[in-house]
Every structure is written in structure tokens, then in C-alpha cells.
């Protein structure tokens, strides 16, 4: 086993290129939606190290009106010896549409049963009718390619304790285990962005990439002290280790971009982040444009209830080596979320205007001749274009228009709205812009925008 050592520069390029991948799709419309999401999944696998964690899926088919088999497997997978394998399970009901599809696709008899289905070939690797004992099922899992990666990585680190890649992979594996355990104790299920993509919600994927959604924990059961430690102690200890060694500066943290935001419910993690956030701030003083540091700082801040961003930003300045946007886009998004004064909004107007002027934008790209993109999506080409237009609206034009309105520059807001509408011919834009203007206390602007249509000049 060979592990390479990533540099902060290579990590930054990897993150930036991944985030720009979706925007590049706007210029490659001959791809089908299926092909595009497959490419996106491959990039997510490479960046998050998830491609080897689940070589197969457990599919459980229950008799109609019961969940006996599913409940039994759920209990089995919680057994101490099975937890390391992180087996994904899907339940189906006999007689349902998905249940019938499972039976038809795998040429099964219509009865309660389970299958371990290979993710690559979609063929059953093992199957049965009753619930096997733990050791028998572990044998099936190992034959299917499941591994206890945490155990393997820890053994490797005993021999090679300085391996950055091994520490990074161990941290990511422990993060996934912590998320699963926390969800189980809290009684909730939080969808990751990868899972959105897997079920074909490309628009939802792009929205989540643009602006992190807050996880609703209002219906979650609180973690008691024992549950908190059982879920997060191993992850927290590994994170503490790499912070103490300083290795964290050269390690990527994909969970701060695509993980489940459950950390607020954990006293263990809140305390850990409070202790180490000053180290992240010190690293930003040296490399203020490094997005991986910013992602980590913003994650830590949100978990603690929102640490003020403006004082930190005021203490930083770009270095001679800063080639990307300053401040970074994620920082601008964070500033937008806490803006309150007219000066704040005027500053944000300038920042978002620079993004609008300097970067490529689907909303500024001419639509196909004599075409409009409406809310009724037809075919993968229109679906992908509509998703990209919606992302561009969320990421740049909407906050730019809001910043213009709240800073008192409604003429500029009008000009930008008409520019985007005439270029993109996106018929969802007037309603979205009108709703934004209404929210900003500008009913006259909202009324004007709501009836606007693209200029028929082509």
C-alpha cells in the first residue's frame, strides 16, 4: 500500500476544480444528464474516498404489510462486530413498485428475502430468506469486498505514523462512522449531497454546493454523554491528533463540504472546535485565500453558533501568491448571511458585482436561438441547463440583486435583471426576482419584474 502526500496547493486546486466542474457542464450540452452525474460521482469518489467503502448494497424485500426482515437486519447491522463494515441497506415492500422492480430485475420469486447486490455489476453476490448469524453474514460481506478500513489504516499507521494520506483516510472513515451513529441515536436521517446526486436530484445537488443548507435538528433526540462519546470519540481523537501534530494543514476535510452537519448536537465536537479554531485563524493569516482553511473555519464557527467573520476578514490581506478571487466565494457567502447595515450591503454589492463581471455565468450566456427555458423541464439537456441557471441565480445573481436593492442601487438591480433575462431567456427568472424584491421591501420593483419577458431581438 502506497500513500502520497498532498500539498496545500494541490489540495486547493483539487477543491477549486471540483467546484467549477458543474459550471463547465453548461458548455458541454451534448452530454446526457446520466453521463454528467456519472462524471460528478466519479469526482466525488476521488475527493471523498467513498468509492471503496460500500462495494455492495443490502436489499431487503419484506412481505406486504410487514417489516420483519428489515427490522431484523437493522438490529443485526448494529452488532458490534458488523458496525465496522458500514453496510448500506435498502428496504422494499412486496407489491410496491420498487419491490416489483427488484423482483423482476433479479428474477426472484415473490417472497420475503434479502440480497447483497454488487454496486458495479448490479448482480446479487449473496441472498437468502432468513436473517443469518453475524459471522455468516460477515463472511458474505468479506467475499463481496467489504473491509474494516479503520482497522487496516490503524495497523498501517503503527508502522508508518507519518503517513498523511493514511491519517486523512482514517479521519474520513471515522467521520462517516460518527455520522451514522449520531443519526441512529438522534433518530433522524440527514441526506448528503452525494445521496442527492445518486437519486438524480441534480438541481438539489447544485443548490447545496452553492449555499450550505442548515440541518434541521429540531426533531432530533438530544445526545446524552455516553451516546456523544460512542458516536464521536474516535473521530474527535484522530482530529485532535492531527491538530497537535500540525498535519491538519496538509489534509483535506471533505466532510466540511459534503458531510452531514450534525456536529452542533455534540458537546465533544463543539469543545474540540473551540480549542483549535485559533490555529485555523493563524493559518489563514499566512495563506488567507486557501479555501480548505476557510471551509474548516466556517464549519467550526457554525457549529459554535456563529463566530463573527468581519473582524477576522479585516485582519487578513491577500498575499502576492493569491491568484483566486479575494475574498474567497465561501467567505462572501458567509458575509452575506450576516449583513445588516447599508455599508455591509454596499460592500457585498461590489464583491458580487466583481464575481458577475469576471466569471462565466450561465445566466449571461445566450440561450439557444428562439428558445426559452421554462419551469417545465423536458429532456436531460433542458433539465441540466435549468439546474445550472438555478445554481447561478442562487450563487451570484440573487445575492447581487439583493445587495443592490438593500444598498439603495435599484437602477443597477434593474439593469442586471434585464441583462440576465434577455441573455438566458429563463422564464423562471421573473417570478424568482419578484419574490426577492418583495422580500426586500420593494413591491414596485417586484411588480415590474414579475411581468417582464425577454426582449425578442434575435
Protein backbone atom coordinates (compact mmCIF):
# COMPACT_ATOMS: atom_id res chain seq x y z
CA UNK A 1 0.00 0.00 0.00
CA UNK A 2 1.49 3.36 -1.05
CA UNK A 3 0.28 6.73 0.22
CA UNK A 4 1.10 10.03 -1.46
CA UNK A 5 1.44 13.35 0.36
CA UNK A 6 -0.77 16.16 -0.97
CA UNK A 7 0.44 19.75 -0.70
CA UNK A 8 -1.84 22.64 0.29
CA UNK A 9 -1.52 23.97 -3.26
CA UNK A 10 -2.61 20.70 -4.85
CA UNK A 11 -5.49 20.42 -2.36
CA UNK A 12 -6.68 23.91 -3.24
CA UNK A 13 -6.57 23.19 -6.96
CA UNK A 14 -8.46 19.93 -6.43
CA UNK A 15 -11.21 21.68 -4.47
CA UNK A 16 -11.49 24.61 -6.90
CA UNK A 17 -11.61 22.40 -10.00
CA UNK A 18 -14.28 20.20 -8.39
CA UNK A 19 -16.47 23.18 -7.57
CA UNK A 20 -16.13 24.56 -11.08
CA UNK A 21 -16.99 21.24 -12.69
CA UNK A 22 -20.73 21.90 -12.62
CA UNK A 23 -20.32 25.28 -14.30
CA UNK A 24 -18.28 23.66 -17.05
CA UNK A 25 -21.22 21.40 -17.84
CA UNK A 26 -23.08 24.43 -19.18
CA UNK A 27 -20.66 24.48 -22.11
CA UNK A 28 -20.96 20.75 -22.83
CA UNK A 29 -24.65 20.26 -23.51
CA UNK A 30 -24.20 17.19 -25.80
CA UNK A 31 -23.62 15.13 -22.61
CA UNK A 32 -26.70 13.40 -21.26
CA UNK A 33 -27.80 14.04 -17.69
CA UNK A 34 -26.91 10.44 -16.81
CA UNK A 35 -23.40 10.89 -18.17
CA UNK A 36 -22.92 14.18 -16.36
CA UNK A 37 -23.99 12.83 -12.99
CA UNK A 38 -21.75 9.81 -13.51
CA UNK A 39 -18.79 12.14 -14.05
CA UNK A 40 -19.78 14.11 -10.95
CA UNK A 41 -20.00 10.92 -8.90
CA UNK A 42 -16.51 9.94 -10.05
CA UNK A 43 -15.14 13.30 -8.92
CA UNK A 44 -16.89 12.96 -5.58
CA UNK A 45 -15.45 9.48 -5.15
CA UNK A 46 -11.93 10.69 -5.80
CA UNK A 47 -12.31 13.65 -3.46
CA UNK A 48 -14.13 11.93 -0.60
CA UNK A 49 -12.61 8.48 -0.80
CA UNK A 50 -16.05 6.84 -0.79
CA UNK A 51 -15.72 4.60 -3.82
CA UNK A 52 -14.36 1.67 -1.79
CA UNK A 53 -16.45 1.98 1.35
CA UNK A 54 -19.58 0.21 0.09
CA UNK A 55 -18.89 -2.35 -2.65
CA UNK A 56 -22.42 -3.72 -2.32
CA UNK A 57 -25.86 -2.80 -1.01
CA UNK A 58 -28.08 -4.96 1.18
CA UNK A 59 -31.57 -5.04 -0.38
CA UNK A 60 -34.31 -6.42 1.87
CA UNK A 61 -37.71 -7.40 0.49
CA UNK A 62 -40.43 -7.62 3.14
CA UNK A 63 -43.77 -9.37 2.86
CA UNK A 64 -46.60 -6.94 2.21
CA UNK A 65 -47.69 -5.11 5.35
CA UNK A 66 -44.71 -6.20 7.46
CA UNK A 67 -41.17 -5.07 8.17
CA UNK A 68 -39.96 -8.17 9.98
CA UNK A 69 -36.96 -8.86 7.76
CA UNK A 70 -35.90 -5.19 7.58
CA UNK A 71 -36.16 -4.80 11.35
CA UNK A 72 -34.14 -7.95 11.88
CA UNK A 73 -31.34 -6.81 9.57
CA UNK A 74 -31.34 -3.34 11.12
CA UNK A 75 -30.68 -4.95 14.51
CA UNK A 76 -28.07 -7.28 13.04
CA UNK A 77 -26.13 -4.40 11.46
CA UNK A 78 -25.92 -2.68 14.86
CA UNK A 79 -23.99 -5.63 16.30
CA UNK A 80 -20.51 -4.60 17.42
CA UNK A 81 -18.75 -6.95 15.00
CA UNK A 82 -20.76 -5.69 12.00
CA UNK A 83 -20.60 -1.94 12.53
CA UNK A 84 -17.11 -1.56 11.01
CA UNK A 85 -18.39 -2.68 7.60
CA UNK A 86 -20.88 0.21 7.23
CA UNK A 87 -23.34 -1.82 5.14
CA UNK A 88 -25.89 0.35 3.29
CA UNK A 89 -29.37 -1.16 3.44
CA UNK A 90 -32.47 -0.52 1.34
CA UNK A 91 -35.88 -1.88 2.25
CA UNK A 92 -38.59 -2.83 -0.25
CA UNK A 93 -42.20 -3.89 0.26
CA UNK A 94 -43.68 -6.74 -1.75
CA UNK A 95 -46.30 -5.36 -4.10
CA UNK A 96 -44.82 -1.86 -4.24
CA UNK A 97 -43.42 -0.51 -7.50
CA UNK A 98 -39.83 -0.65 -6.28
CA UNK A 99 -40.41 -4.13 -4.85
CA UNK A 100 -41.74 -5.39 -8.16
CA UNK A 101 -38.74 -3.85 -9.94
CA UNK A 102 -36.34 -5.64 -7.56
CA UNK A 103 -38.08 -8.98 -8.18
CA UNK A 104 -38.18 -8.51 -11.95
CA UNK A 105 -34.63 -7.27 -12.34
CA UNK A 106 -33.14 -10.13 -10.31
CA UNK A 107 -35.57 -12.87 -11.48
CA UNK A 108 -36.75 -13.58 -7.93
CA UNK A 109 -39.69 -15.49 -6.56
CA UNK A 110 -42.27 -13.15 -4.94
CA UNK A 111 -41.44 -13.81 -1.30
CA UNK A 112 -39.63 -12.14 1.60
CA UNK A 113 -35.85 -12.34 1.08
CA UNK A 114 -32.60 -10.41 1.09
CA UNK A 115 -29.87 -9.81 -1.47
CA UNK A 116 -26.36 -8.40 -1.29
CA UNK A 117 -26.14 -6.57 -4.62
CA UNK A 118 -22.81 -5.59 -6.18
CA UNK A 119 -22.68 -1.83 -6.83
CA UNK A 120 -20.70 -2.13 -10.05
CA UNK A 121 -22.45 -5.01 -11.80
CA UNK A 122 -25.85 -4.71 -10.03
CA UNK A 123 -25.87 -8.50 -9.64
CA UNK A 124 -26.58 -10.44 -6.41
CA UNK A 125 -23.47 -11.66 -4.62
CA UNK A 126 -25.39 -13.43 -1.83
CA UNK A 127 -29.02 -13.92 -0.91
CA UNK A 128 -31.31 -15.74 1.49
CA UNK A 129 -34.69 -15.78 3.17
CA UNK A 130 -33.92 -15.72 6.89
CA UNK A 131 -31.63 -13.49 8.90
CA UNK A 132 -28.13 -15.07 9.05
CA UNK A 133 -26.00 -15.03 12.16
CA UNK A 134 -23.34 -12.33 12.41
CA UNK A 135 -20.34 -14.47 11.44
CA UNK A 136 -22.09 -15.97 8.42
CA UNK A 137 -23.08 -12.52 7.19
CA UNK A 138 -19.56 -11.17 7.78
CA UNK A 139 -18.25 -13.98 5.55
CA UNK A 140 -20.67 -12.84 2.81
CA UNK A 141 -19.52 -9.24 3.27
CA UNK A 142 -15.83 -10.07 3.02
CA UNK A 143 -16.45 -12.14 -0.09
CA UNK A 144 -18.29 -9.14 -1.57
CA UNK A 145 -15.28 -6.92 -0.91
CA UNK A 146 -16.20 -5.22 2.37
CA UNK A 147 -13.25 -4.35 4.58
CA UNK A 148 -12.71 -2.90 8.02
CA UNK A 149 -10.73 0.05 6.70
CA UNK A 150 -10.36 1.65 10.12
CA UNK A 151 -8.63 -1.46 11.44
CA UNK A 152 -6.38 -1.65 8.37
CA UNK A 153 -5.47 2.04 8.49
CA UNK A 154 -4.64 1.94 12.18
CA UNK A 155 -2.39 -1.05 11.62
CA UNK A 156 -0.68 0.79 8.76
CA UNK A 157 -0.18 3.91 10.92
CA UNK A 158 1.52 1.86 13.62
CA UNK A 159 4.18 1.03 11.05
CA UNK A 160 4.15 4.37 9.21
CA UNK A 161 2.89 7.01 11.71
CA UNK A 162 3.89 9.93 9.45
CA UNK A 163 1.65 8.94 6.53
CA UNK A 164 -0.57 11.96 5.83
CA UNK A 165 -2.81 10.07 3.43
CA UNK A 166 -3.42 7.31 5.97
CA UNK A 167 -4.37 9.88 8.61
CA UNK A 168 -6.67 11.61 6.12
CA UNK A 169 -8.41 8.38 5.12
CA UNK A 170 -8.72 7.27 8.75
CA UNK A 171 -10.26 10.60 9.70
CA UNK A 172 -12.78 10.36 6.84
CA UNK A 173 -13.72 6.79 7.77
CA UNK A 174 -14.21 7.75 11.42
CA UNK A 175 -16.28 10.75 10.32
CA UNK A 176 -18.64 8.51 8.36
CA UNK A 177 -18.98 6.15 11.33
CA UNK A 178 -19.66 9.05 13.65
CA UNK A 179 -22.36 10.45 11.37
CA UNK A 180 -24.11 7.09 11.15
CA UNK A 181 -24.00 6.52 14.90
CA UNK A 182 -25.17 10.06 15.69
CA UNK A 183 -28.11 9.75 13.31
CA UNK A 184 -29.09 6.46 14.92
CA UNK A 185 -29.02 7.91 18.43
CA UNK A 186 -30.75 11.14 17.36
CA UNK A 187 -33.46 9.33 15.43
CA UNK A 188 -33.02 11.30 12.21
CA UNK A 189 -31.72 10.78 8.68
CA UNK A 190 -29.79 13.60 7.04
CA UNK A 191 -29.14 13.34 3.31
CA UNK A 192 -25.66 14.06 1.94
CA UNK A 193 -25.07 15.83 -1.32
CA UNK A 194 -23.72 12.60 -2.80
CA UNK A 195 -27.02 10.91 -1.92
CA UNK A 196 -28.93 13.71 -3.69
CA UNK A 197 -26.88 13.01 -6.79
CA UNK A 198 -27.42 9.25 -6.52
CA UNK A 199 -31.20 9.67 -6.60
CA UNK A 200 -30.99 12.01 -9.59
CA UNK A 201 -31.63 15.34 -7.84
CA UNK A 202 -29.03 17.27 -9.81
CA UNK A 203 -30.69 20.63 -9.12
CA UNK A 204 -30.69 19.91 -5.37
CA UNK A 205 -27.04 18.91 -5.59
CA UNK A 206 -26.10 22.21 -7.24
CA UNK A 207 -28.10 24.27 -4.73
CA UNK A 208 -26.35 22.55 -1.83
CA UNK A 209 -22.95 23.13 -3.45
CA UNK A 210 -23.79 26.81 -3.82
CA UNK A 211 -25.04 27.53 -0.30
CA UNK A 212 -24.82 25.14 2.62
CA UNK A 213 -28.24 24.35 3.99
CA UNK A 214 -28.70 24.34 7.75
CA UNK A 215 -29.61 20.92 9.09
CA UNK A 216 -32.88 20.92 10.98
CA UNK A 217 -32.20 19.20 14.30
CA UNK A 218 -35.41 20.39 15.97
CA UNK A 219 -36.95 16.89 15.86
CA UNK A 220 -33.75 15.08 16.84
CA UNK A 221 -33.32 13.40 20.19
CA UNK A 222 -30.50 15.03 22.18
CA UNK A 223 -27.32 13.02 22.59
CA UNK A 224 -26.58 12.04 26.16
CA UNK A 225 -22.96 11.98 27.33
CA UNK A 226 -22.48 8.28 26.62
CA UNK A 227 -24.04 8.46 23.14
CA UNK A 228 -21.96 11.52 22.29
CA UNK A 229 -18.75 9.69 23.12
CA UNK A 230 -19.81 6.48 21.39
CA UNK A 231 -20.61 8.41 18.20
CA UNK A 232 -17.77 10.90 18.09
CA UNK A 233 -14.91 9.98 20.46
CA UNK A 234 -12.83 8.09 17.88
CA UNK A 235 -13.25 10.83 15.26
CA UNK A 236 -12.51 13.57 17.79
CA UNK A 237 -9.37 11.78 18.99
CA UNK A 238 -7.99 11.43 15.47
CA UNK A 239 -8.80 15.08 14.72
CA UNK A 240 -7.05 16.09 17.96
CA UNK A 241 -4.02 14.02 16.91
CA UNK A 242 -3.59 15.71 13.55
CA UNK A 243 -4.11 19.17 15.07
CA UNK A 244 -1.48 18.51 17.71
CA UNK A 245 1.00 17.32 15.07
CA UNK A 246 0.19 20.18 12.67
CA UNK A 247 -0.62 17.70 9.91
CA UNK A 248 -4.10 19.16 9.54
CA UNK A 249 -2.68 21.95 7.37
CA UNK A 250 -1.93 19.42 4.61
CA UNK A 251 -5.07 17.31 4.95
CA UNK A 252 -8.33 17.79 3.10
CA UNK A 253 -11.61 17.70 5.06
CA UNK A 254 -14.33 16.66 2.59
CA UNK A 255 -16.92 16.35 5.35
CA UNK A 256 -16.98 20.14 5.87
CA UNK A 257 -18.29 20.39 2.29
CA UNK A 258 -20.32 17.22 1.78
CA UNK A 259 -20.85 15.66 5.19
CA UNK A 260 -23.86 15.69 7.47
CA UNK A 261 -23.99 18.79 9.67
CA UNK A 262 -24.69 17.04 12.96
CA UNK A 263 -21.83 18.49 15.00
CA UNK A 264 -23.92 21.16 16.74
CA UNK A 265 -25.56 18.41 18.81
CA UNK A 266 -22.19 17.15 20.10
CA UNK A 267 -20.57 18.79 23.17
CA UNK A 268 -17.42 16.80 22.36
CA UNK A 269 -17.06 18.36 18.90
CA UNK A 270 -18.06 21.86 19.99
CA UNK A 271 -15.33 21.81 22.62
CA UNK A 272 -12.77 20.44 20.15
CA UNK A 273 -13.54 23.13 17.56
CA UNK A 274 -13.43 25.90 20.16
CA UNK A 275 -9.94 24.74 21.19
CA UNK A 276 -8.50 24.55 17.69
CA UNK A 277 -10.23 27.32 15.75
CA UNK A 278 -7.49 29.83 16.71
CA UNK A 279 -4.97 27.55 14.95
CA UNK A 280 -7.06 27.74 11.79
CA UNK A 281 -7.18 31.53 12.08
CA UNK A 282 -3.39 31.63 12.41
CA UNK A 283 -3.07 29.50 9.26
CA UNK A 284 -5.36 31.92 7.41
CA UNK A 285 -3.05 34.79 8.34
CA UNK A 286 -0.33 33.01 6.36
CA UNK A 287 -2.50 31.77 3.50
CA UNK A 288 -5.72 33.83 3.53
CA UNK A 289 -7.05 32.56 0.19
CA UNK A 290 -6.75 28.82 0.93
CA UNK A 291 -10.33 27.59 0.64
CA UNK A 292 -9.74 24.42 2.65
CA UNK A 293 -8.82 26.54 5.69
CA UNK A 294 -11.86 28.76 5.15
CA UNK A 295 -14.19 25.77 4.83
CA UNK A 296 -12.88 24.39 8.11
CA UNK A 297 -13.13 27.76 9.89
CA UNK A 298 -16.70 28.38 8.70
CA UNK A 299 -17.74 24.84 9.71
CA UNK A 300 -16.24 25.30 13.18
CA UNK A 301 -17.89 28.70 13.52
CA UNK A 302 -21.34 27.45 12.51
CA UNK A 303 -21.12 24.55 14.97
CA UNK A 304 -20.41 27.02 17.78
CA UNK A 305 -23.35 29.24 16.86
CA UNK A 306 -21.62 31.67 14.51
CA UNK A 307 -18.36 33.39 15.34
CA UNK A 308 -18.13 36.93 13.85
CA UNK A 309 -16.41 36.83 10.47
CA UNK A 310 -15.83 40.53 9.80
CA UNK A 311 -13.05 41.01 12.42
CA UNK A 312 -11.12 38.04 11.05
CA UNK A 313 -11.54 39.21 7.46
CA UNK A 314 -10.41 42.72 8.38
CA UNK A 315 -7.18 41.30 9.82
CA UNK A 316 -6.33 39.45 6.60
CA UNK A 317 -4.99 40.62 3.27
CA UNK A 318 -4.19 38.69 0.08
CA UNK A 319 -0.61 37.62 -0.42
CA UNK A 320 1.45 38.12 -3.61
CA UNK A 321 0.59 34.49 -4.42
CA UNK A 322 -3.20 34.95 -4.26
CA UNK A 323 -4.49 34.22 -7.74
CA UNK A 324 -8.11 33.36 -6.95
CA UNK A 325 -10.95 35.69 -6.03
CA UNK A 326 -10.46 37.73 -2.89
CA UNK A 327 -12.23 37.31 -0.57
CA UNK A 328 -12.97 33.68 -1.47
CA UNK A 329 -16.54 32.94 -2.61
CA UNK A 330 -17.33 30.95 0.54
CA UNK A 331 -16.34 33.94 2.66
CA UNK A 332 -18.53 36.27 0.65
CA UNK A 333 -21.44 33.85 1.19
CA UNK A 334 -20.78 33.91 4.94
CA UNK A 335 -20.67 37.73 4.96
CA UNK A 336 -23.96 37.81 3.07
CA UNK A 337 -25.63 35.66 5.71
CA UNK A 338 -24.81 38.18 8.48
CA UNK A 339 -25.09 41.53 6.62
CA UNK A 340 -27.23 44.14 8.39
CA UNK A 341 -26.12 47.71 7.59
CA UNK A 342 -26.24 49.66 4.34
CA UNK A 343 -22.43 49.71 4.35
CA UNK A 344 -22.46 45.89 4.60
CA UNK A 345 -24.77 45.67 1.58
CA UNK A 346 -22.73 48.18 -0.44
CA UNK A 347 -19.58 46.12 0.24
CA UNK A 348 -21.38 42.95 -0.82
CA UNK A 349 -22.71 44.65 -3.97
CA UNK A 350 -19.13 45.37 -5.04
CA UNK A 351 -17.97 41.84 -4.22
CA UNK A 352 -20.81 40.10 -6.07
CA UNK A 353 -20.56 42.57 -8.98
CA UNK A 354 -16.91 41.56 -9.38
CA UNK A 355 -17.97 37.90 -9.48
CA UNK A 356 -20.66 38.68 -12.03
CA UNK A 357 -18.28 40.64 -14.26
CA UNK A 358 -15.20 38.43 -14.00
CA UNK A 359 -16.50 34.84 -14.02
CA UNK A 360 -18.51 32.88 -16.62
CA UNK A 361 -22.23 32.69 -15.84
CA UNK A 362 -24.97 30.58 -17.47
CA UNK A 363 -27.40 33.44 -16.85
CA UNK A 364 -25.29 35.66 -19.09
CA UNK A 365 -24.74 33.04 -21.79
CA UNK A 366 -27.09 33.40 -24.78
CA UNK A 367 -29.82 30.77 -24.77
CA UNK A 368 -30.36 28.64 -27.93
CA UNK A 369 -31.94 30.76 -30.65
CA UNK A 370 -35.73 31.20 -30.34
CA UNK A 371 -35.74 29.20 -27.12
CA UNK A 372 -36.81 29.83 -23.57
CA UNK A 373 -36.05 27.73 -20.54
CA UNK A 374 -39.26 27.35 -18.57
CA UNK A 375 -40.08 25.65 -15.31
CA UNK A 376 -41.40 22.62 -17.25
CA UNK A 377 -38.28 20.58 -17.89
CA UNK A 378 -38.18 18.42 -20.98
CA UNK A 379 -35.28 16.10 -21.65
CA UNK A 380 -31.91 15.87 -19.98
CA UNK A 381 -30.45 18.83 -21.91
CA UNK A 382 -33.08 21.27 -20.65
CA UNK A 383 -33.01 19.75 -17.19
CA UNK A 384 -29.29 20.24 -16.81
CA UNK A 385 -29.42 23.77 -18.22
CA UNK A 386 -32.28 24.74 -15.89
CA UNK A 387 -30.36 23.34 -12.92
CA UNK A 388 -27.28 25.37 -13.85
CA UNK A 389 -29.32 28.54 -14.31
CA UNK A 390 -30.92 27.97 -10.90
CA UNK A 391 -27.49 27.46 -9.33
CA UNK A 392 -26.17 30.65 -10.93
CA UNK A 393 -29.19 32.51 -9.59
CA UNK A 394 -28.61 31.22 -6.07
CA UNK A 395 -24.83 31.63 -6.12
CA UNK A 396 -24.45 35.08 -7.65
CA UNK A 397 -27.34 36.94 -9.26
CA UNK A 398 -29.82 36.68 -6.37
CA UNK A 399 -27.36 37.94 -3.72
CA UNK A 400 -26.13 40.61 -6.16
CA UNK A 401 -29.67 41.89 -6.78
CA UNK A 402 -30.47 41.81 -3.07
CA UNK A 403 -27.26 43.68 -2.23
CA UNK A 404 -28.09 46.33 -4.87
CA UNK A 405 -31.63 46.79 -3.54
CA UNK A 406 -30.65 46.93 0.13
CA UNK A 407 -27.81 49.38 -0.59
CA UNK A 408 -30.27 51.65 -2.48
CA UNK A 409 -28.98 50.96 -6.01
CA UNK A 410 -32.26 49.80 -7.62
CA UNK A 411 -31.28 51.12 -11.08
CA UNK A 412 -28.32 48.74 -11.15
CA UNK A 413 -30.56 45.92 -9.95
CA UNK A 414 -32.95 46.64 -12.85
CA UNK A 415 -30.11 46.61 -15.37
CA UNK A 416 -28.68 43.35 -14.12
CA UNK A 417 -32.09 41.64 -14.08
CA UNK A 418 -32.86 42.66 -17.69
CA UNK A 419 -29.36 41.64 -18.83
CA UNK A 420 -29.80 38.14 -17.41
CA UNK A 421 -33.38 37.74 -18.66
CA UNK A 422 -32.57 38.81 -22.23
CA UNK A 423 -29.50 36.59 -22.40
CA UNK A 424 -30.73 33.39 -20.73
CA UNK A 425 -34.45 33.65 -21.66
CA UNK A 426 -35.12 31.75 -18.43
CA UNK A 427 -38.83 32.16 -17.78
CA UNK A 428 -38.50 31.21 -14.09
CA UNK A 429 -36.37 34.32 -13.53
CA UNK A 430 -39.14 36.99 -13.32
CA UNK A 431 -41.01 35.15 -10.55
CA UNK A 432 -37.81 34.44 -8.60
CA UNK A 433 -36.62 38.04 -8.91
CA UNK A 434 -40.04 39.44 -7.99
CA UNK A 435 -40.16 37.30 -4.85
CA UNK A 436 -36.70 38.55 -3.90
CA UNK A 437 -37.71 42.21 -4.42
CA UNK A 438 -40.86 41.70 -2.35
CA UNK A 439 -38.77 40.17 0.46
CA UNK A 440 -36.52 43.25 0.33
CA UNK A 441 -39.49 45.59 0.81
CA UNK A 442 -39.70 46.79 -2.80
CA UNK A 443 -43.23 45.97 -4.04
CA UNK A 444 -42.97 48.34 -7.03
CA UNK A 445 -39.80 46.61 -8.26
CA UNK A 446 -41.42 43.21 -7.62
CA UNK A 447 -44.47 44.16 -9.71
CA UNK A 448 -42.28 45.40 -12.57
CA UNK A 449 -40.08 42.31 -12.62
CA UNK A 450 -42.93 39.84 -12.32
CA UNK A 451 -44.37 40.81 -15.73
CA UNK A 452 -41.03 41.16 -17.56
CA UNK A 453 -40.30 38.98 -20.58
CA UNK A 454 -37.14 38.59 -22.69
CA UNK A 455 -36.66 41.15 -25.45
CA UNK A 456 -37.38 39.49 -28.83
CA UNK A 457 -34.32 40.91 -30.53
CA UNK A 458 -32.90 37.73 -32.07
